[in-house]
Amino acid sequence: MSTFVDTATEYVLNNKLKTVLCTWGAGIGTCLAYQFTQPTPISLKLIHSRVYAQALTLAALGAVAGIEYYAERDNPTVKDKDGY
């Protein structure tokens, strides 16, 4: 019986780019929503949101790399299906 963690790990391993893209989309949307509650010019809101989303995307890339590393270390026969 698979646990949520096993299922999520398998999904991330098989859909790395989709996971990073969804993380970026959620990050930019959340950052924009937060920035529009602040009294700053629109250009500054867009710049801050982009920078925060970029940092979140780098963290997601690191997380995906870590998940792949530990999955390969724990089970050397595991190979991802997407080839990336």
PDB file of N, CA and C in Angstrom:
ATOM      1  N   MET A   1       0.845  -1.181   0.000  1.00  0.00           N
ATOM      2  CA  MET A   1       0.000   0.000   0.000  1.00  0.00           C
ATOM      3  C   MET A   1       0.888   1.241   0.000  1.00  0.00           C
ATOM      4  N   SER A   2       0.675   2.130  -0.955  1.00  0.00           N
ATOM      5  CA  SER A   2       1.491   3.332  -1.083  1.00  0.00           C
ATOM      6  C   SER A   2       1.017   4.410  -0.124  1.00  0.00           C
ATOM      7  N   THR A   3       1.979   5.097   0.436  1.00  0.00           N
ATOM      8  CA  THR A   3       1.647   6.238   1.271  1.00  0.00           C
ATOM      9  C   THR A   3       1.627   7.485   0.403  1.00  0.00           C
ATOM     10  N   PHE A   4       1.175   8.576   0.965  1.00  0.00           N
ATOM     11  CA  PHE A   4       1.142   9.845   0.233  1.00  0.00           C
ATOM     12  C   PHE A   4       2.544  10.267  -0.178  1.00  0.00           C
ATOM     13  N   VAL A   5       3.506  10.062   0.705  1.00  0.00           N
ATOM     14  CA  VAL A   5       4.890  10.454   0.405  1.00  0.00           C
ATOM     15  C   VAL A   5       5.429   9.646  -0.767  1.00  0.00           C
ATOM     16  N   ASP A   6       5.164   8.342  -0.786  1.00  0.00           N
ATOM     17  CA  ASP A   6       5.623   7.505  -1.904  1.00  0.00           C
ATOM     18  C   ASP A   6       4.978   7.940  -3.212  1.00  0.00           C
ATOM     19  N   THR A   7       3.691   8.221  -3.160  1.00  0.00           N
ATOM     20  CA  THR A   7       2.972   8.655  -4.358  1.00  0.00           C
ATOM     21  C   THR A   7       3.493   9.999  -4.848  1.00  0.00           C
ATOM     22  N   ALA A   8       3.690  10.941  -3.927  1.00  0.00           N
ATOM     23  CA  ALA A   8       4.198  12.260  -4.304  1.00  0.00           C
ATOM     24  C   ALA A   8       5.619  12.168  -4.856  1.00  0.00           C
ATOM     25  N   THR A   9       6.442  11.334  -4.250  1.00  0.00           N
ATOM     26  CA  THR A   9       7.810  11.158  -4.734  1.00  0.00           C
ATOM     27  C   THR A   9       7.818  10.587  -6.145  1.00  0.00           C
ATOM     28  N   GLU A  10       6.990   9.595  -6.379  1.00  0.00           N
ATOM     29  CA  GLU A  10       6.910   8.996  -7.716  1.00  0.00           C
ATOM     30  C   GLU A  10       6.431  10.016  -8.744  1.00  0.00           C
ATOM     31  N   TYR A  11       5.442  10.839  -8.363  1.00  0.00           N
ATOM     32  CA  TYR A  11       4.942  11.863  -9.285  1.00  0.00           C
ATOM     33  C   TYR A  11       6.041  12.870  -9.629  1.00  0.00           C
ATOM     34  N   VAL A  12       6.765  13.324  -8.625  1.00  0.00           N
ATOM     35  CA  VAL A  12       7.830  14.312  -8.859  1.00  0.00           C
ATOM     36  C   VAL A  12       8.925  13.717  -9.735  1.00  0.00           C
ATOM     37  N   LEU A  13       9.279  12.468  -9.491  1.00  0.00           N
ATOM     38  CA  LEU A  13      10.321  11.831 -10.296  1.00  0.00           C
ATOM     39  C   LEU A  13       9.901  11.676 -11.754  1.00  0.00           C
ATOM     40  N   ASN A  14       8.625  11.454 -11.992  1.00  0.00           N
ATOM     41  CA  ASN A  14       8.140  11.250 -13.352  1.00  0.00           C
ATOM     42  C   ASN A  14       7.730  12.542 -14.046  1.00  0.00           C
ATOM     43  N   ASN A  15       7.567  13.637 -13.298  1.00  0.00           N
ATOM     44  CA  ASN A  15       7.103  14.908 -13.858  1.00  0.00           C
ATOM     45  C   ASN A  15       7.910  16.072 -13.287  1.00  0.00           C
ATOM     46  N   LYS A  16       9.199  16.054 -13.481  1.00  0.00           N
ATOM     47  CA  LYS A  16      10.071  17.075 -12.883  1.00  0.00           C
ATOM     48  C   LYS A  16       9.763  18.476 -13.406  1.00  0.00           C
ATOM     49  N   LEU A  17       9.699  18.614 -14.704  1.00  0.00           N
ATOM     50  CA  LEU A  17       9.494  19.944 -15.278  1.00  0.00           C
ATOM     51  C   LEU A  17       8.104  20.494 -14.944  1.00  0.00           C
ATOM     52  N   LYS A  18       7.113  19.633 -14.962  1.00  0.00           N
ATOM     53  CA  LYS A  18       5.760  20.060 -14.617  1.00  0.00           C
ATOM     54  C   LYS A  18       5.688  20.512 -13.156  1.00  0.00           C
ATOM     55  N   THR A  19       6.403  19.804 -12.287  1.00  0.00           N
ATOM     56  CA  THR A  19       6.433  20.174 -10.872  1.00  0.00           C
ATOM     57  C   THR A  19       7.062  21.546 -10.676  1.00  0.00           C
ATOM     58  N   VAL A  20       8.174  21.802 -11.346  1.00  0.00           N
ATOM     59  CA  VAL A  20       8.856  23.092 -11.213  1.00  0.00           C
ATOM     60  C   VAL A  20       7.989  24.209 -11.814  1.00  0.00           C
ATOM     61  N   LEU A  21       7.367  23.949 -12.957  1.00  0.00           N
ATOM     62  CA  LEU A  21       6.515  24.957 -13.589  1.00  0.00           C
ATOM     63  C   LEU A  21       5.305  25.301 -12.708  1.00  0.00           C
ATOM     64  N   CYS A  22       4.687  24.305 -12.127  1.00  0.00           N
ATOM     65  CA  CYS A  22       3.545  24.565 -11.241  1.00  0.00           C
ATOM     66  C   CYS A  22       3.970  25.317  -9.986  1.00  0.00           C
ATOM     67  N   THR A  23       5.161  25.000  -9.489  1.00  0.00           N
ATOM     68  CA  THR A  23       5.682  25.731  -8.332  1.00  0.00           C
ATOM     69  C   THR A  23       5.918  27.197  -8.685  1.00  0.00           C
ATOM     70  N   TRP A  24       6.487  27.444  -9.874  1.00  0.00           N
ATOM     71  CA  TRP A  24       6.708  28.814 -10.311  1.00  0.00           C
ATOM     72  C   TRP A  24       5.379  29.549 -10.469  1.00  0.00           C
ATOM     73  N   GLY A  25       4.398  28.918 -11.094  1.00  0.00           N
ATOM     74  CA  GLY A  25       3.097  29.556 -11.302  1.00  0.00           C
ATOM     75  C   GLY A  25       2.407  29.900  -9.993  1.00  0.00           C
ATOM     76  N   ALA A  26       2.428  28.955  -9.067  1.00  0.00           N
ATOM     77  CA  ALA A  26       1.830  29.216  -7.753  1.00  0.00           C
ATOM     78  C   ALA A  26       2.602  30.311  -7.024  1.00  0.00           C
ATOM     79  N   GLY A  27       3.917  30.302  -7.154  1.00  0.00           N
ATOM     80  CA  GLY A  27       4.740  31.309  -6.487  1.00  0.00           C
ATOM     81  C   GLY A  27       4.500  32.702  -7.031  1.00  0.00           C
ATOM     82  N   ILE A  28       4.439  32.841  -8.357  1.00  0.00           N
ATOM     83  CA  ILE A  28       4.232  34.165  -8.941  1.00  0.00           C
ATOM     84  C   ILE A  28       2.831  34.674  -8.606  1.00  0.00           C
ATOM     85  N   GLY A  29       1.859  33.790  -8.631  1.00  0.00           N
ATOM     86  CA  GLY A  29       0.491  34.198  -8.292  1.00  0.00           C
ATOM     87  C   GLY A  29       0.360  34.642  -6.841  1.00  0.00           C
ATOM     88  N   THR A  30       0.960  33.875  -5.955  1.00  0.00           N
ATOM     89  CA  THR A  30       0.911  34.219  -4.531  1.00  0.00           C
ATOM     90  C   THR A  30       1.667  35.511  -4.254  1.00  0.00           C
ATOM     91  N   CYS A  31       2.832  35.649  -4.857  1.00  0.00           N
ATOM     92  CA  CYS A  31       3.628  36.864  -4.646  1.00  0.00           C
ATOM     93  C   CYS A  31       2.920  38.101  -5.193  1.00  0.00           C
ATOM     94  N   LEU A  32       2.302  37.972  -6.354  1.00  0.00           N
ATOM     95  CA  LEU A  32       1.548  39.104  -6.912  1.00  0.00           C
ATOM     96  C   LEU A  32       0.370  39.467  -6.018  1.00  0.00           C
ATOM     97  N   ALA A  33      -0.332  38.461  -5.527  1.00  0.00           N
ATOM     98  CA  ALA A  33      -1.466  38.729  -4.640  1.00  0.00           C
ATOM     99  C   ALA A  33      -1.008  39.460  -3.376  1.00  0.00           C
ATOM    100  N   TYR A  34       0.108  39.019  -2.818  1.00  0.00           N
ATOM    101  CA  TYR A  34       0.628  39.687  -1.628  1.00  0.00           C
ATOM    102  C   TYR A  34       1.110  41.099  -1.948  1.00  0.00           C
ATOM    103  N   GLN A  35       1.829  41.260  -3.053  1.00  0.00           N
ATOM    104  CA  GLN A  35       2.391  42.564  -3.403  1.00  0.00           C
ATOM    105  C   GLN A  35       1.300  43.603  -3.653  1.00  0.00           C
ATOM    106  N   PHE A  36       0.149  43.177  -4.163  1.00  0.00           N
ATOM    107  CA  PHE A  36      -0.913  44.137  -4.415  1.00  0.00           C
ATOM    108  C   PHE A  36      -1.626  44.579  -3.146  1.00  0.00           C
ATOM    109  N   THR A  37      -1.236  44.036  -1.998  1.00  0.00           N
ATOM    110  CA  THR A  37      -1.749  44.553  -0.721  1.00  0.00           C
ATOM    111  C   THR A  37      -0.815  45.608  -0.139  1.00  0.00           C
ATOM    112  N   GLN A  38       0.350  45.784  -0.764  1.00  0.00           N
ATOM    113  CA  GLN A  38       1.349  46.730  -0.279  1.00  0.00           C
ATOM    114  C   GLN A  38       1.261  48.061  -1.043  1.00  0.00           C
ATOM    115  N   PRO A  39       1.529  49.183  -0.360  1.00  0.00           N
ATOM    116  CA  PRO A  39       1.462  50.494  -1.021  1.00  0.00           C
ATOM    117  C   PRO A  39       2.758  50.849  -1.757  1.00  0.00           C
ATOM    118  N   THR A  40       3.049  50.135  -2.834  1.00  0.00           N
ATOM    119  CA  THR A  40       4.237  50.404  -3.643  1.00  0.00           C
ATOM    120  C   THR A  40       3.811  50.554  -5.101  1.00  0.00           C
ATOM    121  N   PRO A  41       4.649  51.158  -5.932  1.00  0.00           N
ATOM    122  CA  PRO A  41       4.311  51.290  -7.357  1.00  0.00           C
ATOM    123  C   PRO A  41       4.176  49.922  -8.036  1.00  0.00           C
ATOM    124  N   ILE A  42       3.380  49.873  -9.081  1.00  0.00           N
ATOM    125  CA  ILE A  42       3.118  48.610  -9.771  1.00  0.00           C
ATOM    126  C   ILE A  42       4.398  47.998 -10.338  1.00  0.00           C
ATOM    127  N   SER A  43       5.271  48.823 -10.891  1.00  0.00           N
ATOM    128  CA  SER A  43       6.507  48.269 -11.445  1.00  0.00           C
ATOM    129  C   SER A  43       7.338  47.569 -10.366  1.00  0.00           C
ATOM    130  N   LEU A  44       7.370  48.123  -9.187  1.00  0.00           N
ATOM    131  CA  LEU A  44       8.107  47.512  -8.084  1.00  0.00           C
ATOM    132  C   LEU A  44       7.431  46.226  -7.625  1.00  0.00           C
ATOM    133  N   LYS A  45       6.105  46.204  -7.638  1.00  0.00           N
ATOM    134  CA  LYS A  45       5.366  44.984  -7.283  1.00  0.00           C
ATOM    135  C   LYS A  45       5.704  43.854  -8.242  1.00  0.00           C
ATOM    136  N   LEU A  46       5.759  44.155  -9.526  1.00  0.00           N
ATOM    137  CA  LEU A  46       6.070  43.132 -10.522  1.00  0.00           C
ATOM    138  C   LEU A  46       7.506  42.625 -10.375  1.00  0.00           C
ATOM    139  N   ILE A  47       8.429  43.535 -10.118  1.00  0.00           N
ATOM    140  CA  ILE A  47       9.831  43.154  -9.951  1.00  0.00           C
ATOM    141  C   ILE A  47      10.002  42.269  -8.724  1.00  0.00           C
ATOM    142  N   HIS A  48       9.413  42.672  -7.611  1.00  0.00           N
ATOM    143  CA  HIS A  48       9.530  41.881  -6.386  1.00  0.00           C
ATOM    144  C   HIS A  48       8.907  40.505  -6.565  1.00  0.00           C
ATOM    145  N   SER A  49       7.752  40.454  -7.197  1.00  0.00           N
ATOM    146  CA  SER A  49       7.086  39.160  -7.410  1.00  0.00           C
ATOM    147  C   SER A  49       7.933  38.245  -8.269  1.00  0.00           C
ATOM    148  N   ARG A  50       8.543  38.786  -9.311  1.00  0.00           N
ATOM    149  CA  ARG A  50       9.381  37.972 -10.186  1.00  0.00           C
ATOM    150  C   ARG A  50      10.595  37.435  -9.440  1.00  0.00           C
ATOM    151  N   VAL A  51      11.214  38.277  -8.630  1.00  0.00           N
ATOM    152  CA  VAL A  51      12.397  37.855  -7.891  1.00  0.00           C
ATOM    153  C   VAL A  51      12.040  36.783  -6.865  1.00  0.00           C
ATOM    154  N   TYR A  52      10.944  36.971  -6.144  1.00  0.00           N
ATOM    155  CA  TYR A  52      10.532  35.972  -5.153  1.00  0.00           C
ATOM    156  C   TYR A  52      10.176  34.650  -5.821  1.00  0.00           C
ATOM    157  N   ALA A  53       9.468  34.717  -6.953  1.00  0.00           N
ATOM    158  CA  ALA A  53       9.108  33.497  -7.675  1.00  0.00           C
ATOM    159  C   ALA A  53      10.344  32.805  -8.231  1.00  0.00           C
ATOM    160  N   GLN A  54      11.332  33.583  -8.642  1.00  0.00           N
ATOM    161  CA  GLN A  54      12.573  33.000  -9.145  1.00  0.00           C
ATOM    162  C   GLN A  54      13.304  32.267  -8.024  1.00  0.00           C
ATOM    163  N   ALA A  55      13.328  32.840  -6.843  1.00  0.00           N
ATOM    164  CA  ALA A  55      13.967  32.170  -5.701  1.00  0.00           C
ATOM    165  C   ALA A  55      13.213  30.889  -5.343  1.00  0.00           C
ATOM    166  N   LEU A  56      11.902  30.940  -5.390  1.00  0.00           N
ATOM    167  CA  LEU A  56      11.102  29.754  -5.107  1.00  0.00           C
ATOM    168  C   LEU A  56      11.348  28.672  -6.157  1.00  0.00           C
ATOM    169  N   THR A  57      11.509  29.068  -7.407  1.00  0.00           N
ATOM    170  CA  THR A  57      11.793  28.109  -8.476  1.00  0.00           C
ATOM    171  C   THR A  57      13.150  27.449  -8.279  1.00  0.00           C
ATOM    172  N   LEU A  58      14.143  28.216  -7.876  1.00  0.00           N
ATOM    173  CA  LEU A  58      15.453  27.626  -7.589  1.00  0.00           C
ATOM    174  C   LEU A  58      15.369  26.636  -6.430  1.00  0.00           C
ATOM    175  N   ALA A  59      14.567  26.965  -5.420  1.00  0.00           N
ATOM    176  CA  ALA A  59      14.371  26.034  -4.308  1.00  0.00           C
ATOM    177  C   ALA A  59      13.666  24.767  -4.785  1.00  0.00           C
ATOM    178  N   ALA A  60      12.690  24.894  -5.690  1.00  0.00           N
ATOM    179  CA  ALA A  60      11.995  23.729  -6.227  1.00  0.00           C
ATOM    180  C   ALA A  60      12.942  22.859  -7.041  1.00  0.00           C
ATOM    181  N   LEU A  61      13.816  23.484  -7.833  1.00  0.00           N
ATOM    182  CA  LEU A  61      14.811  22.712  -8.590  1.00  0.00           C
ATOM    183  C   LEU A  61      15.734  21.934  -7.645  1.00  0.00           C
ATOM    184  N   GLY A  62      16.145  22.570  -6.573  1.00  0.00           N
ATOM    185  CA  GLY A  62      16.974  21.888  -5.581  1.00  0.00           C
ATOM    186  C   GLY A  62      16.235  20.749  -4.904  1.00  0.00           C
ATOM    187  N   ALA A  63      14.951  20.956  -4.618  1.00  0.00           N
ATOM    188  CA  ALA A  63      14.145  19.905  -3.988  1.00  0.00           C
ATOM    189  C   ALA A  63      13.978  18.714  -4.925  1.00  0.00           C
ATOM    190  N   VAL A  64      13.714  18.982  -6.201  1.00  0.00           N
ATOM    191  CA  VAL A  64      13.575  17.893  -7.175  1.00  0.00           C
ATOM    192  C   VAL A  64      14.891  17.128  -7.298  1.00  0.00           C
ATOM    193  N   ALA A  65      16.002  17.839  -7.338  1.00  0.00           N
ATOM    194  CA  ALA A  65      17.308  17.173  -7.414  1.00  0.00           C
ATOM    195  C   ALA A  65      17.551  16.321  -6.167  1.00  0.00           C
ATOM    196  N   GLY A  66      17.187  16.840  -5.010  1.00  0.00           N
ATOM    197  CA  GLY A  66      17.344  16.078  -3.771  1.00  0.00           C
ATOM    198  C   GLY A  66      16.477  14.839  -3.738  1.00  0.00           C
ATOM    199  N   ILE A  67      15.240  14.975  -4.180  1.00  0.00           N
ATOM    200  CA  ILE A  67      14.336  13.824  -4.219  1.00  0.00           C
ATOM    201  C   ILE A  67      14.886  12.763  -5.167  1.00  0.00           C
ATOM    202  N   GLU A  68      15.368  13.188  -6.308  1.00  0.00           N
ATOM    203  CA  GLU A  68      15.920  12.227  -7.265  1.00  0.00           C
ATOM    204  C   GLU A  68      17.170  11.544  -6.704  1.00  0.00           C
ATOM    205  N   TYR A  69      18.019  12.311  -6.048  1.00  0.00           N
ATOM    206  CA  TYR A  69      19.234  11.753  -5.461  1.00  0.00           C
ATOM    207  C   TYR A  69      18.902  10.700  -4.407  1.00  0.00           C
ATOM    208  N   TYR A  70      18.002  11.028  -3.476  1.00  0.00           N
ATOM    209  CA  TYR A  70      17.675  10.092  -2.404  1.00  0.00           C
ATOM    210  C   TYR A  70      16.887   8.892  -2.897  1.00  0.00           C
ATOM    211  N   ALA A  71      16.053   9.074  -3.922  1.00  0.00           N
ATOM    212  CA  ALA A  71      15.325   7.934  -4.489  1.00  0.00           C
ATOM    213  C   ALA A  71      16.299   6.977  -5.160  1.00  0.00           C
ATOM    214  N   GLU A  72      17.290   7.512  -5.863  1.00  0.00           N
ATOM    215  CA  GLU A  72      18.290   6.669  -6.520  1.00  0.00           C
ATOM    216  C   GLU A  72      19.189   5.991  -5.495  1.00  0.00           C
ATOM    217  N   ARG A  73      19.503   6.694  -4.429  1.00  0.00           N
ATOM    218  CA  ARG A  73      20.367   6.120  -3.401  1.00  0.00           C
ATOM    219  C   ARG A  73      19.662   4.993  -2.652  1.00  0.00           C
ATOM    220  N   ASP A  74      18.372   5.183  -2.342  1.00  0.00           N
ATOM    221  CA  ASP A  74      17.629   4.172  -1.592  1.00  0.00           C
ATOM    222  C   ASP A  74      17.283   2.956  -2.434  1.00  0.00           C
ATOM    223  N   ASN A  75      17.091   3.169  -3.739  1.00  0.00           N
ATOM    224  CA  ASN A  75      16.720   2.079  -4.628  1.00  0.00           C
ATOM    225  C   ASN A  75      17.431   2.276  -5.958  1.00  0.00           C
ATOM    226  N   PRO A  76      18.611   1.718  -6.118  1.00  0.00           N
ATOM    227  CA  PRO A  76      19.411   1.973  -7.329  1.00  0.00           C
ATOM    228  C   PRO A  76      18.747   1.536  -8.636  1.00  0.00           C
ATOM    229  N   THR A  77      17.740   0.706  -8.571  1.00  0.00           N
ATOM    230  CA  THR A  77      17.084   0.253  -9.790  1.00  0.00           C
ATOM    231  C   THR A  77      16.000   1.216 -10.269  1.00  0.00           C
ATOM    232  N   VAL A  78      15.726   2.264  -9.485  1.00  0.00           N
ATOM    233  CA  VAL A  78      14.687   3.217  -9.853  1.00  0.00           C
ATOM    234  C   VAL A  78      15.194   4.088 -11.003  1.00  0.00           C
ATOM    235  N   LYS A  79      14.450   4.129 -12.070  1.00  0.00           N
ATOM    236  CA  LYS A  79      14.750   5.006 -13.209  1.00  0.00           C
ATOM    237  C   LYS A  79      13.497   5.797 -13.538  1.00  0.00           C
ATOM    238  N   ASP A  80      13.675   7.062 -13.795  1.00  0.00           N
ATOM    239  CA  ASP A  80      12.525   7.902 -14.120  1.00  0.00           C
ATOM    240  C   ASP A  80      12.078   7.637 -15.551  1.00  0.00           C
ATOM    241  N   LYS A  81      10.815   7.950 -15.837  1.00  0.00           N
ATOM    242  CA  LYS A  81      10.225   7.650 -17.131  1.00  0.00           C
ATOM    243  C   LYS A  81      10.325   8.799 -18.116  1.00  0.00           C
ATOM    244  N   ASP A  82      10.582  10.024 -17.629  1.00  0.00           N
ATOM    245  CA  ASP A  82      10.553  11.156 -18.553  1.00  0.00           C
ATOM    246  C   ASP A  82      11.908  11.432 -19.207  1.00  0.00           C
ATOM    247  N   GLY A  83      12.970  10.872 -18.737  1.00  0.00           N
ATOM    248  CA  GLY A  83      14.271  11.008 -19.382  1.00  0.00           C
ATOM    249  C   GLY A  83      15.014  12.306 -19.123  1.00  0.00           C
ATOM    250  N   TYR A  84      14.510  13.165 -18.263  1.00  0.00           N
ATOM    251  CA  TYR A  84      15.185  14.429 -17.965  1.00  0.00           C
ATOM    252  C   TYR A  84      16.058  14.293 -16.756  1.00  0.00           C
TER     253      TYR A  84
END
